[in-house]
Amino acid sequence: MTGPYLGPDHRRSILQLTVTAAGFLLFWAAAYFALEVSYLLSLVLTVPTAAFLVRLFIIQHDCGHGSYFRSRRVRDTVGFCIGVLTLTPYQYWRRTHAHHHAHSGDLDLRGFGDVDTMTVNEYLDLSPGKRREYRIYRHPLTLLLAGPIFHFVLKHRYPSDVPRDWKQAWASIWWTNACLVGVLAVATLTIGIIPFLLIQVPVTLMSGAAGILLFYVQHQFEETYWHREPEWDYFSAAVHGSSHLVLPRPLQWFTASIGIHHIHHLSSRIPNYRLQECLEANPELQQATRISLRDVARLFRLTLWDEDAGRMIGFREVAGRV
């Protein structure tokens, strides 16, 4: 089913990258010049700027999966450059995300590239203080407001959980940090550090929040897939543990069809611009859990995996068991 859609189309990849990078730079510049008129106008213009940055992140994501260009050197160069803009060291993220794909839905191998998810029994075994910490972590405000600051601004500068023998990942981390220092130095000497931060900070926070929201709804829904080994199965996890986020066409364009996430997990070598084609050509793949924007608030109330019931539940449903 996925075979005809594997691999990059260089013409489409170059066109998508060019349009997306140009859109990001155009709106970033517009937001900068709008500072002379009104900071409110500048903030309005940071919204499409952040949307283009989300799209750039998904291009970086496809480079990491080997689905965007045939040449690894080209993929790695493009991925690294975008990683400076997204504050995400390319090789570090590529490796942790590969772990996520290889073990998504496996209760015995959680930790890299996942939204931390506990089972009901694990939660009940915690002390009251640790339960409170988990509840704070899973709160939407923590995930969407503190999450971008923690993950993209702070943790990605020095991810202490990365093994020391991941030499390529660590090199990517330090080179990305060095480039960021260079960007700040150039901004200071040209447009000034304050105007730069007035634009880039909201762009980073909004795009980071959008990325976390997308990742959350892609795997956190009632009838998602979590199993322990040896019952865990890669293909079942891909199809049943990943959602199909149905978005209006403009939002699907800005998110580069990543909402068709079950097909992406089934075969990550399909470039983003072929996911919709694959979906439309295969009725069997149209049976995944469909999620709309109206479902998002409800999904953020799902916080624990109930192994007995085989579904995600909220804290209220375990209140009587504590």
C-alpha atoms as a PDB file:
ATOM      1  CA  MET A   1       0.000   0.000   0.000  1.00  0.00           C
ATOM      2  CA  THR A   2       2.773   2.462   0.814  1.00  0.00           C
ATOM      3  CA  GLY A   3       5.370   1.289  -1.703  1.00  0.00           C
ATOM      4  CA  PRO A   4       4.403   3.613  -4.582  1.00  0.00           C
ATOM      5  CA  TYR A   5       4.785   6.668  -2.341  1.00  0.00           C
ATOM      6  CA  LEU A   6       8.203   5.955  -0.843  1.00  0.00           C
ATOM      7  CA  GLY A   7      11.159   8.196  -1.494  1.00  0.00           C
ATOM      8  CA  PRO A   8      11.632  11.840  -2.427  1.00  0.00           C
ATOM      9  CA  ASP A   9      10.658  13.769  -5.511  1.00  0.00           C
ATOM     10  CA  HIS A  10      13.532  16.251  -5.729  1.00  0.00           C
ATOM     11  CA  ARG A  11      11.516  18.825  -7.649  1.00  0.00           C
ATOM     12  CA  ARG A  12       8.723  18.831  -5.069  1.00  0.00           C
ATOM     13  CA  SER A  13      11.195  18.829  -2.176  1.00  0.00           C
ATOM     14  CA  ILE A  14      13.114  21.832  -3.534  1.00  0.00           C
ATOM     15  CA  LEU A  15       9.921  23.735  -4.322  1.00  0.00           C
ATOM     16  CA  GLN A  16       8.431  23.064  -0.887  1.00  0.00           C
ATOM     17  CA  LEU A  17      11.640  24.035   0.892  1.00  0.00           C
ATOM     18  CA  THR A  18      12.024  27.224  -1.171  1.00  0.00           C
ATOM     19  CA  VAL A  19       8.435  28.380  -0.660  1.00  0.00           C
ATOM     20  CA  THR A  20       8.528  27.604   3.060  1.00  0.00           C
ATOM     21  CA  ALA A  21      11.887  29.257   3.745  1.00  0.00           C
ATOM     22  CA  ALA A  22      10.889  32.304   1.694  1.00  0.00           C
ATOM     23  CA  GLY A  23       7.580  32.596   3.569  1.00  0.00           C
ATOM     24  CA  PHE A  24       9.362  32.417   6.918  1.00  0.00           C
ATOM     25  CA  LEU A  25      11.924  35.064   5.969  1.00  0.00           C
ATOM     26  CA  LEU A  26       9.303  37.345   4.397  1.00  0.00           C
ATOM     27  CA  PHE A  27       7.016  37.375   7.415  1.00  0.00           C
ATOM     28  CA  TRP A  28       9.954  37.626   9.846  1.00  0.00           C
ATOM     29  CA  ALA A  29      11.151  40.722   7.977  1.00  0.00           C
ATOM     30  CA  ALA A  30       7.618  42.125   7.906  1.00  0.00           C
ATOM     31  CA  ALA A  31       7.318  41.640  11.663  1.00  0.00           C
ATOM     32  CA  TYR A  32      10.629  43.456  12.134  1.00  0.00           C
ATOM     33  CA  PHE A  33       9.679  46.474  10.007  1.00  0.00           C
ATOM     34  CA  ALA A  34       6.258  46.572  11.689  1.00  0.00           C
ATOM     35  CA  LEU A  35       8.036  47.427  14.951  1.00  0.00           C
ATOM     36  CA  GLU A  36       8.276  50.991  13.670  1.00  0.00           C
ATOM     37  CA  VAL A  37       4.479  51.118  13.449  1.00  0.00           C
ATOM     38  CA  SER A  38       3.234  49.070  16.392  1.00  0.00           C
ATOM     39  CA  TYR A  39       4.435  46.097  18.396  1.00  0.00           C
ATOM     40  CA  LEU A  40       0.876  44.771  18.287  1.00  0.00           C
ATOM     41  CA  LEU A  41       1.072  44.674  14.486  1.00  0.00           C
ATOM     42  CA  SER A  42       4.455  42.977  14.776  1.00  0.00           C
ATOM     43  CA  LEU A  43       2.965  40.337  17.074  1.00  0.00           C
ATOM     44  CA  VAL A  44       0.173  39.678  14.582  1.00  0.00           C
ATOM     45  CA  LEU A  45       2.777  39.064  11.894  1.00  0.00           C
ATOM     46  CA  THR A  46       4.682  36.633  14.121  1.00  0.00           C
ATOM     47  CA  VAL A  47       1.705  34.249  13.877  1.00  0.00           C
ATOM     48  CA  PRO A  48       2.244  33.335  10.184  1.00  0.00           C
ATOM     49  CA  THR A  49       5.999  33.477  10.835  1.00  0.00           C
ATOM     50  CA  ALA A  50       5.582  30.778  13.486  1.00  0.00           C
ATOM     51  CA  ALA A  51       3.355  28.776  11.137  1.00  0.00           C
ATOM     52  CA  PHE A  52       6.075  28.741   8.492  1.00  0.00           C
ATOM     53  CA  LEU A  53       8.599  27.687  11.158  1.00  0.00           C
ATOM     54  CA  VAL A  54       6.369  24.709  12.036  1.00  0.00           C
ATOM     55  CA  ARG A  55       6.404  23.753   8.352  1.00  0.00           C
ATOM     56  CA  LEU A  56      10.200  24.092   8.294  1.00  0.00           C
ATOM     57  CA  PHE A  57      10.411  21.804  11.325  1.00  0.00           C
ATOM     58  CA  ILE A  58       8.467  19.117   9.466  1.00  0.00           C
ATOM     59  CA  ILE A  59      10.876  19.425   6.536  1.00  0.00           C
ATOM     60  CA  GLN A  60      13.707  18.946   9.051  1.00  0.00           C
ATOM     61  CA  HIS A  61      11.752  15.966  10.379  1.00  0.00           C
ATOM     62  CA  ASP A  62      11.519  14.431   6.881  1.00  0.00           C
ATOM     63  CA  CYS A  63      15.246  14.957   6.348  1.00  0.00           C
ATOM     64  CA  GLY A  64      15.843  12.984   9.537  1.00  0.00           C
ATOM     65  CA  HIS A  65      13.747  10.102   8.182  1.00  0.00           C
ATOM     66  CA  GLY A  66      15.653  10.042   4.898  1.00  0.00           C
ATOM     67  CA  SER A  67      12.538  10.844   2.906  1.00  0.00           C
ATOM     68  CA  TYR A  68      13.282  14.350   1.613  1.00  0.00           C
ATOM     69  CA  PHE A  69      16.420  14.117  -0.543  1.00  0.00           C
ATOM     70  CA  ARG A  70      18.272  11.083  -1.885  1.00  0.00           C
ATOM     71  CA  SER A  71      21.642  12.477  -0.839  1.00  0.00           C
ATOM     72  CA  ARG A  72      22.336  12.046   2.860  1.00  0.00           C
ATOM     73  CA  ARG A  73      24.768  14.957   2.770  1.00  0.00           C
ATOM     74  CA  VAL A  74      22.070  17.256   1.410  1.00  0.00           C
ATOM     75  CA  ARG A  75      19.504  15.969   3.936  1.00  0.00           C
ATOM     76  CA  ASP A  76      21.873  16.452   6.831  1.00  0.00           C
ATOM     77  CA  THR A  77      22.906  19.945   5.703  1.00  0.00           C
ATOM     78  CA  VAL A  78      19.321  21.123   5.246  1.00  0.00           C
ATOM     79  CA  GLY A  79      18.234  19.452   8.479  1.00  0.00           C
ATOM     80  CA  PHE A  80      21.064  21.045  10.453  1.00  0.00           C
ATOM     81  CA  CYS A  81      20.370  24.546   9.088  1.00  0.00           C
ATOM     82  CA  ILE A  82      16.671  24.296   9.875  1.00  0.00           C
ATOM     83  CA  GLY A  83      17.615  22.924  13.297  1.00  0.00           C
ATOM     84  CA  VAL A  84      19.316  26.225  14.108  1.00  0.00           C
ATOM     85  CA  LEU A  85      16.055  28.049  13.366  1.00  0.00           C
ATOM     86  CA  THR A  86      13.957  25.557  15.359  1.00  0.00           C
ATOM     87  CA  LEU A  87      16.509  25.361  18.222  1.00  0.00           C
ATOM     88  CA  THR A  88      16.590  21.591  17.641  1.00  0.00           C
ATOM     89  CA  PRO A  89      20.003  19.940  17.090  1.00  0.00           C
ATOM     90  CA  TYR A  90      19.417  17.846  14.010  1.00  0.00           C
ATOM     91  CA  GLN A  91      21.392  14.649  14.683  1.00  0.00           C
ATOM     92  CA  TYR A  92      20.326  14.541  18.332  1.00  0.00           C
ATOM     93  CA  TRP A  93      16.676  14.912  17.428  1.00  0.00           C
ATOM     94  CA  ARG A  94      17.021  12.480  14.495  1.00  0.00           C
ATOM     95  CA  ARG A  95      18.292   9.724  16.765  1.00  0.00           C
ATOM     96  CA  THR A  96      15.804  10.199  19.603  1.00  0.00           C
ATOM     97  CA  HIS A  97      12.951  10.457  17.098  1.00  0.00           C
ATOM     98  CA  ALA A  98      14.069   7.213  15.453  1.00  0.00           C
ATOM     99  CA  HIS A  99      13.781   5.606  18.900  1.00  0.00           C
ATOM    100  CA  HIS A 100      10.251   6.983  19.166  1.00  0.00           C
ATOM    101  CA  HIS A 101       9.290   5.421  15.842  1.00  0.00           C
ATOM    102  CA  ALA A 102      10.887   2.094  16.687  1.00  0.00           C
ATOM    103  CA  HIS A 103       9.182   1.801  20.087  1.00  0.00           C
ATOM    104  CA  SER A 104       6.020   3.929  19.942  1.00  0.00           C
ATOM    105  CA  GLY A 105       3.317   2.298  22.062  1.00  0.00           C
ATOM    106  CA  ASP A 106       5.769  -0.020  23.835  1.00  0.00           C
ATOM    107  CA  LEU A 107       5.207   0.294  27.583  1.00  0.00           C
ATOM    108  CA  ASP A 108       8.577  -1.310  28.271  1.00  0.00           C
ATOM    109  CA  LEU A 109      10.543   1.228  26.227  1.00  0.00           C
ATOM    110  CA  ARG A 110       9.241   4.696  27.019  1.00  0.00           C
ATOM    111  CA  GLY A 111      11.364   7.791  27.531  1.00  0.00           C
ATOM    112  CA  PHE A 112      12.839   9.106  24.278  1.00  0.00           C
ATOM    113  CA  GLY A 113      10.701  11.387  22.140  1.00  0.00           C
ATOM    114  CA  ASP A 114       7.443  10.714  23.977  1.00  0.00           C
ATOM    115  CA  VAL A 115       5.021  12.700  26.075  1.00  0.00           C
ATOM    116  CA  ASP A 116       5.633  11.095  29.466  1.00  0.00           C
ATOM    117  CA  THR A 117       2.713   8.725  30.072  1.00  0.00           C
ATOM    118  CA  MET A 118       2.138   6.611  33.168  1.00  0.00           C
ATOM    119  CA  THR A 119      -0.128   3.641  33.637  1.00  0.00           C
ATOM    120  CA  VAL A 120      -2.813   3.815  36.315  1.00  0.00           C
ATOM    121  CA  ASN A 121      -0.904   1.389  38.550  1.00  0.00           C
ATOM    122  CA  GLU A 122       2.337   3.327  38.189  1.00  0.00           C
ATOM    123  CA  TYR A 123       0.528   6.524  39.151  1.00  0.00           C
ATOM    124  CA  LEU A 124      -1.140   4.919  42.182  1.00  0.00           C
ATOM    125  CA  ASP A 125       2.232   3.616  43.390  1.00  0.00           C
ATOM    126  CA  LEU A 126       3.654   7.157  43.544  1.00  0.00           C
ATOM    127  CA  SER A 127       3.895   9.248  46.682  1.00  0.00           C
ATOM    128  CA  PRO A 128       1.438  12.182  46.923  1.00  0.00           C
ATOM    129  CA  GLY A 129       4.216  14.596  46.010  1.00  0.00           C
ATOM    130  CA  LYS A 130       5.215  12.654  42.892  1.00  0.00           C
ATOM    131  CA  ARG A 131       1.573  12.390  41.834  1.00  0.00           C
ATOM    132  CA  ARG A 132       1.308  16.153  42.127  1.00  0.00           C
ATOM    133  CA  GLU A 133       4.409  16.564  39.942  1.00  0.00           C
ATOM    134  CA  TYR A 134       2.932  14.307  37.265  1.00  0.00           C
ATOM    135  CA  ARG A 135      -0.388  16.150  37.362  1.00  0.00           C
ATOM    136  CA  ILE A 136       1.420  19.463  36.920  1.00  0.00           C
ATOM    137  CA  TYR A 137       3.487  18.041  34.055  1.00  0.00           C
ATOM    138  CA  ARG A 138       0.385  16.765  32.232  1.00  0.00           C
ATOM    139  CA  HIS A 139      -1.548  20.026  32.615  1.00  0.00           C
ATOM    140  CA  PRO A 140      -2.142  21.736  29.231  1.00  0.00           C
ATOM    141  CA  LEU A 141      -0.643  25.011  30.442  1.00  0.00           C
ATOM    142  CA  THR A 142       2.552  23.232  31.447  1.00  0.00           C
ATOM    143  CA  LEU A 143       2.812  21.363  28.170  1.00  0.00           C
ATOM    144  CA  LEU A 144       1.963  24.275  25.885  1.00  0.00           C
ATOM    145  CA  LEU A 145       3.455  27.250  27.755  1.00  0.00           C
ATOM    146  CA  ALA A 146       6.363  25.855  29.758  1.00  0.00           C
ATOM    147  CA  GLY A 147       6.985  23.009  27.316  1.00  0.00           C
ATOM    148  CA  PRO A 148       8.445  25.107  24.467  1.00  0.00           C
ATOM    149  CA  ILE A 149      10.744  26.950  26.885  1.00  0.00           C
ATOM    150  CA  PHE A 150      11.937  23.767  28.569  1.00  0.00           C
ATOM    151  CA  HIS A 151      12.405  21.592  25.491  1.00  0.00           C
ATOM    152  CA  PHE A 152      13.472  23.975  22.738  1.00  0.00           C
ATOM    153  CA  VAL A 153      15.178  26.797  24.621  1.00  0.00           C
ATOM    154  CA  LEU A 154      16.741  24.938  27.560  1.00  0.00           C
ATOM    155  CA  LYS A 155      16.929  21.151  27.206  1.00  0.00           C
ATOM    156  CA  HIS A 156      18.098  21.156  23.597  1.00  0.00           C
ATOM    157  CA  ARG A 157      21.123  23.211  24.588  1.00  0.00           C
ATOM    158  CA  TYR A 158      22.404  20.413  26.841  1.00  0.00           C
ATOM    159  CA  PRO A 159      20.222  17.263  26.860  1.00  0.00           C
ATOM    160  CA  SER A 160      21.773  15.449  29.810  1.00  0.00           C
ATOM    161  CA  ASP A 161      19.861  12.233  29.092  1.00  0.00           C
ATOM    162  CA  VAL A 162      21.786  11.644  25.844  1.00  0.00           C
ATOM    163  CA  PRO A 163      24.403   8.865  26.185  1.00  0.00           C
ATOM    164  CA  ARG A 164      27.992  10.043  25.852  1.00  0.00           C
ATOM    165  CA  ASP A 165      28.725   7.544  23.082  1.00  0.00           C
ATOM    166  CA  TRP A 166      26.220   9.287  20.787  1.00  0.00           C
ATOM    167  CA  LYS A 167      29.120  11.296  19.373  1.00  0.00           C
ATOM    168  CA  GLN A 168      27.319  12.477  16.232  1.00  0.00           C
ATOM    169  CA  ALA A 169      24.380  13.698  18.298  1.00  0.00           C
ATOM    170  CA  TRP A 170      26.632  15.580  20.718  1.00  0.00           C
ATOM    171  CA  ALA A 171      28.560  17.169  17.844  1.00  0.00           C
ATOM    172  CA  SER A 172      25.245  18.367  16.420  1.00  0.00           C
ATOM    173  CA  ILE A 173      24.256  19.805  19.794  1.00  0.00           C
ATOM    174  CA  TRP A 174      27.472  21.798  20.209  1.00  0.00           C
ATOM    175  CA  TRP A 175      27.547  23.009  16.587  1.00  0.00           C
ATOM    176  CA  THR A 176      23.925  24.128  16.830  1.00  0.00           C
ATOM    177  CA  ASN A 177      24.690  26.005  20.044  1.00  0.00           C
ATOM    178  CA  ALA A 178      27.686  27.658  18.395  1.00  0.00           C
ATOM    179  CA  CYS A 179      25.543  28.751  15.441  1.00  0.00           C
ATOM    180  CA  LEU A 180      22.943  30.173  17.817  1.00  0.00           C
ATOM    181  CA  VAL A 181      25.628  32.242  19.527  1.00  0.00           C
ATOM    182  CA  GLY A 182      26.621  33.470  16.075  1.00  0.00           C
ATOM    183  CA  VAL A 183      23.023  34.377  15.209  1.00  0.00           C
ATOM    184  CA  LEU A 184      22.686  36.368  18.434  1.00  0.00           C
ATOM    185  CA  ALA A 185      25.995  38.146  17.759  1.00  0.00           C
ATOM    186  CA  VAL A 186      24.981  39.085  14.207  1.00  0.00           C
ATOM    187  CA  ALA A 187      21.551  40.246  15.411  1.00  0.00           C
ATOM    188  CA  THR A 188      23.184  42.397  18.088  1.00  0.00           C
ATOM    189  CA  LEU A 189      25.509  44.048  15.566  1.00  0.00           C
ATOM    190  CA  THR A 190      22.840  44.632  12.909  1.00  0.00           C
ATOM    191  CA  ILE A 191      19.228  45.087  14.002  1.00  0.00           C
ATOM    192  CA  GLY A 192      19.870  45.008  17.766  1.00  0.00           C
ATOM    193  CA  ILE A 193      19.271  42.219  20.230  1.00  0.00           C
ATOM    194  CA  ILE A 194      16.048  43.698  21.674  1.00  0.00           C
ATOM    195  CA  PRO A 195      14.177  43.976  18.333  1.00  0.00           C
ATOM    196  CA  PHE A 196      15.428  40.509  17.419  1.00  0.00           C
ATOM    197  CA  LEU A 197      14.105  38.982  20.643  1.00  0.00           C
ATOM    198  CA  LEU A 198      10.809  40.893  20.419  1.00  0.00           C
ATOM    199  CA  ILE A 199      10.121  38.944  17.237  1.00  0.00           C
ATOM    200  CA  GLN A 200      11.913  35.654  17.727  1.00  0.00           C
ATOM    201  CA  VAL A 201      10.682  34.892  21.248  1.00  0.00           C
ATOM    202  CA  PRO A 202       6.960  34.830  20.348  1.00  0.00           C
ATOM    203  CA  VAL A 203       7.765  32.961  17.118  1.00  0.00           C
ATOM    204  CA  THR A 204       9.649  30.304  19.079  1.00  0.00           C
ATOM    205  CA  LEU A 205       6.978  29.996  21.770  1.00  0.00           C
ATOM    206  CA  MET A 206       4.083  29.748  19.312  1.00  0.00           C
ATOM    207  CA  SER A 207       5.774  27.305  16.956  1.00  0.00           C
ATOM    208  CA  GLY A 208       6.988  25.219  19.896  1.00  0.00           C
ATOM    209  CA  ALA A 209       3.504  25.091  21.413  1.00  0.00           C
ATOM    210  CA  ALA A 210       2.043  24.108  18.033  1.00  0.00           C
ATOM    211  CA  GLY A 211       4.616  21.347  17.674  1.00  0.00           C
ATOM    212  CA  ILE A 212       3.898  19.952  21.134  1.00  0.00           C
ATOM    213  CA  LEU A 213       0.137  20.113  20.510  1.00  0.00           C
ATOM    214  CA  LEU A 214       0.515  18.231  17.226  1.00  0.00           C
ATOM    215  CA  PHE A 215       2.710  15.581  18.793  1.00  0.00           C
ATOM    216  CA  TYR A 216       0.321  15.191  21.720  1.00  0.00           C
ATOM    217  CA  VAL A 217      -2.837  14.569  19.705  1.00  0.00           C
ATOM    218  CA  GLN A 218      -0.985  12.215  17.363  1.00  0.00           C
ATOM    219  CA  HIS A 219      -0.635   9.600  20.099  1.00  0.00           C
ATOM    220  CA  GLN A 220      -2.732  10.625  23.108  1.00  0.00           C
ATOM    221  CA  PHE A 221      -6.333   9.578  22.487  1.00  0.00           C
ATOM    222  CA  GLU A 222      -8.762   7.155  24.152  1.00  0.00           C
ATOM    223  CA  GLU A 223      -8.247   4.026  22.077  1.00  0.00           C
ATOM    224  CA  THR A 224      -4.573   4.492  21.344  1.00  0.00           C
ATOM    225  CA  TYR A 225      -2.106   1.605  21.443  1.00  0.00           C
ATOM    226  CA  TRP A 226       0.050   0.667  24.440  1.00  0.00           C
ATOM    227  CA  HIS A 227       1.300  -2.872  25.049  1.00  0.00           C
ATOM    228  CA  ARG A 228       4.136  -4.602  26.793  1.00  0.00           C
ATOM    229  CA  GLU A 229       6.541  -6.970  25.103  1.00  0.00           C
ATOM    230  CA  PRO A 230       6.186  -9.542  23.611  1.00  0.00           C
ATOM    231  CA  GLU A 231       2.587  -8.562  22.717  1.00  0.00           C
ATOM    232  CA  TRP A 232       3.718  -5.197  21.333  1.00  0.00           C
ATOM    233  CA  ASP A 233       3.687  -5.057  17.520  1.00  0.00           C
ATOM    234  CA  TYR A 234       5.236  -2.351  15.337  1.00  0.00           C
ATOM    235  CA  PHE A 235       2.536  -2.280  12.661  1.00  0.00           C
ATOM    236  CA  SER A 236      -0.350  -2.352  15.127  1.00  0.00           C
ATOM    237  CA  ALA A 237       1.285   0.479  17.054  1.00  0.00           C
ATOM    238  CA  ALA A 238       1.665   2.510  13.852  1.00  0.00           C
ATOM    239  CA  VAL A 239      -1.929   2.110  12.646  1.00  0.00           C
ATOM    240  CA  HIS A 240      -3.788   2.007  15.965  1.00  0.00           C
ATOM    241  CA  GLY A 241      -1.463   4.104  18.124  1.00  0.00           C
ATOM    242  CA  SER A 242      -1.262   7.088  15.766  1.00  0.00           C
ATOM    243  CA  SER A 243      -4.179   9.321  14.860  1.00  0.00           C
ATOM    244  CA  HIS A 244      -5.376  11.032  11.704  1.00  0.00           C
ATOM    245  CA  LEU A 245      -5.723  14.701  12.610  1.00  0.00           C
ATOM    246  CA  VAL A 246      -8.186  16.154  10.116  1.00  0.00           C
ATOM    247  CA  LEU A 247      -7.412  19.846   9.612  1.00  0.00           C
ATOM    248  CA  PRO A 248      -8.743  22.590   7.336  1.00  0.00           C
ATOM    249  CA  ARG A 249      -6.693  22.745   4.130  1.00  0.00           C
ATOM    250  CA  PRO A 250      -4.662  25.860   5.115  1.00  0.00           C
ATOM    251  CA  LEU A 251      -3.634  24.275   8.430  1.00  0.00           C
ATOM    252  CA  GLN A 252      -2.867  20.966   6.745  1.00  0.00           C
ATOM    253  CA  TRP A 253      -0.595  22.887   4.377  1.00  0.00           C
ATOM    254  CA  PHE A 254       1.245  24.676   7.189  1.00  0.00           C
ATOM    255  CA  THR A 255       1.644  21.405   9.104  1.00  0.00           C
ATOM    256  CA  ALA A 256       2.798  19.582   5.943  1.00  0.00           C
ATOM    257  CA  SER A 257       0.167  16.837   6.341  1.00  0.00           C
ATOM    258  CA  ILE A 258       1.873  15.488   9.475  1.00  0.00           C
ATOM    259  CA  GLY A 259      -1.624  14.975  10.901  1.00  0.00           C
ATOM    260  CA  ILE A 260      -1.869  11.891   8.653  1.00  0.00           C
ATOM    261  CA  HIS A 261       0.309  10.412  11.294  1.00  0.00           C
ATOM    262  CA  HIS A 262      -0.697   6.770  11.149  1.00  0.00           C
ATOM    263  CA  ILE A 263       0.622   6.491   7.598  1.00  0.00           C
ATOM    264  CA  HIS A 264       3.783   8.342   8.576  1.00  0.00           C
ATOM    265  CA  HIS A 265       4.394   5.824  11.373  1.00  0.00           C
ATOM    266  CA  LEU A 266       3.553   2.931   9.098  1.00  0.00           C
ATOM    267  CA  SER A 267       6.214   4.066   6.641  1.00  0.00           C
ATOM    268  CA  SER A 268       8.366   7.037   7.597  1.00  0.00           C
ATOM    269  CA  ARG A 269      10.113   7.001   4.213  1.00  0.00           C
ATOM    270  CA  ILE A 270       7.042   8.638   2.636  1.00  0.00           C
ATOM    271  CA  PRO A 271       7.721  12.388   2.259  1.00  0.00           C
ATOM    272  CA  ASN A 272       5.095  14.676   3.756  1.00  0.00           C
ATOM    273  CA  TYR A 273       3.815  15.811   0.353  1.00  0.00           C
ATOM    274  CA  ARG A 274       2.814  12.234  -0.557  1.00  0.00           C
ATOM    275  CA  LEU A 275       0.937  11.318   2.627  1.00  0.00           C
ATOM    276  CA  GLN A 276      -2.407  12.639   1.372  1.00  0.00           C
ATOM    277  CA  GLU A 277      -2.013  10.755  -1.915  1.00  0.00           C
ATOM    278  CA  CYS A 278      -1.300   7.528  -0.053  1.00  0.00           C
ATOM    279  CA  LEU A 279      -4.321   8.065   2.198  1.00  0.00           C
ATOM    280  CA  GLU A 280      -6.700   8.703  -0.683  1.00  0.00           C
ATOM    281  CA  ALA A 281      -5.473   5.683  -2.650  1.00  0.00           C
ATOM    282  CA  ASN A 282      -5.905   3.168   0.179  1.00  0.00           C
ATOM    283  CA  PRO A 283      -9.358   2.829   1.786  1.00  0.00           C
ATOM    284  CA  GLU A 284      -7.845   0.441   4.356  1.00  0.00           C
ATOM    285  CA  LEU A 285      -5.752   3.307   5.709  1.00  0.00           C
ATOM    286  CA  GLN A 286      -8.774   5.574   6.092  1.00  0.00           C
ATOM    287  CA  GLN A 287      -9.985   3.636   9.144  1.00  0.00           C
ATOM    288  CA  ALA A 288      -7.554   5.187  11.651  1.00  0.00           C
ATOM    289  CA  THR A 289      -8.831   7.221  14.590  1.00  0.00           C
ATOM    290  CA  ARG A 290      -9.884  10.594  13.198  1.00  0.00           C
ATOM    291  CA  ILE A 291      -9.399  13.669  15.358  1.00  0.00           C
ATOM    292  CA  SER A 292     -10.547  17.230  14.698  1.00  0.00           C
ATOM    293  CA  LEU A 293      -9.628  20.525  16.327  1.00  0.00           C
ATOM    294  CA  ARG A 294     -12.804  20.270  18.414  1.00  0.00           C
ATOM    295  CA  ASP A 295     -11.389  17.141  20.083  1.00  0.00           C
ATOM    296  CA  VAL A 296      -8.140  18.732  21.256  1.00  0.00           C
ATOM    297  CA  ALA A 297      -9.347  20.083  24.622  1.00  0.00           C
ATOM    298  CA  ARG A 298     -10.918  16.723  25.473  1.00  0.00           C
ATOM    299  CA  LEU A 299      -7.740  14.823  24.600  1.00  0.00           C
ATOM    300  CA  PHE A 300      -5.683  16.948  26.994  1.00  0.00           C
ATOM    301  CA  ARG A 301      -7.818  15.539  29.826  1.00  0.00           C
ATOM    302  CA  LEU A 302      -6.517  12.036  29.063  1.00  0.00           C
ATOM    303  CA  THR A 303      -3.500  11.483  31.258  1.00  0.00           C
ATOM    304  CA  LEU A 304      -3.120   7.820  32.227  1.00  0.00           C
ATOM    305  CA  TRP A 305      -3.105   4.496  30.422  1.00  0.00           C
ATOM    306  CA  ASP A 306      -5.487   1.977  31.985  1.00  0.00           C
ATOM    307  CA  GLU A 307      -3.941  -1.406  31.176  1.00  0.00           C
ATOM    308  CA  ASP A 308      -7.031  -3.298  32.353  1.00  0.00           C
ATOM    309  CA  ALA A 309      -9.471  -1.288  30.220  1.00  0.00           C
ATOM    310  CA  GLY A 310      -7.042  -0.791  27.336  1.00  0.00           C
ATOM    311  CA  ARG A 311      -7.661   2.943  26.995  1.00  0.00           C
ATOM    312  CA  MET A 312      -6.497   6.376  28.116  1.00  0.00           C
ATOM    313  CA  ILE A 313      -8.363   7.897  31.059  1.00  0.00           C
ATOM    314  CA  GLY A 314      -8.218  11.102  33.114  1.00  0.00           C
ATOM    315  CA  PHE A 315      -7.216  11.796  36.695  1.00  0.00           C
ATOM    316  CA  ARG A 316     -10.861  12.053  37.750  1.00  0.00           C
ATOM    317  CA  GLU A 317     -11.458   8.426  36.833  1.00  0.00           C
ATOM    318  CA  VAL A 318      -8.797   7.245  39.286  1.00  0.00           C
ATOM    319  CA  ALA A 319      -9.683   9.683  42.073  1.00  0.00           C
ATOM    320  CA  GLY A 320     -11.691   7.053  43.891  1.00  0.00           C
ATOM    321  CA  ARG A 321      -8.835   4.543  43.804  1.00  0.00           C
ATOM    322  CA  VAL A 322      -6.278   6.819  45.471  1.00  0.00           C
END
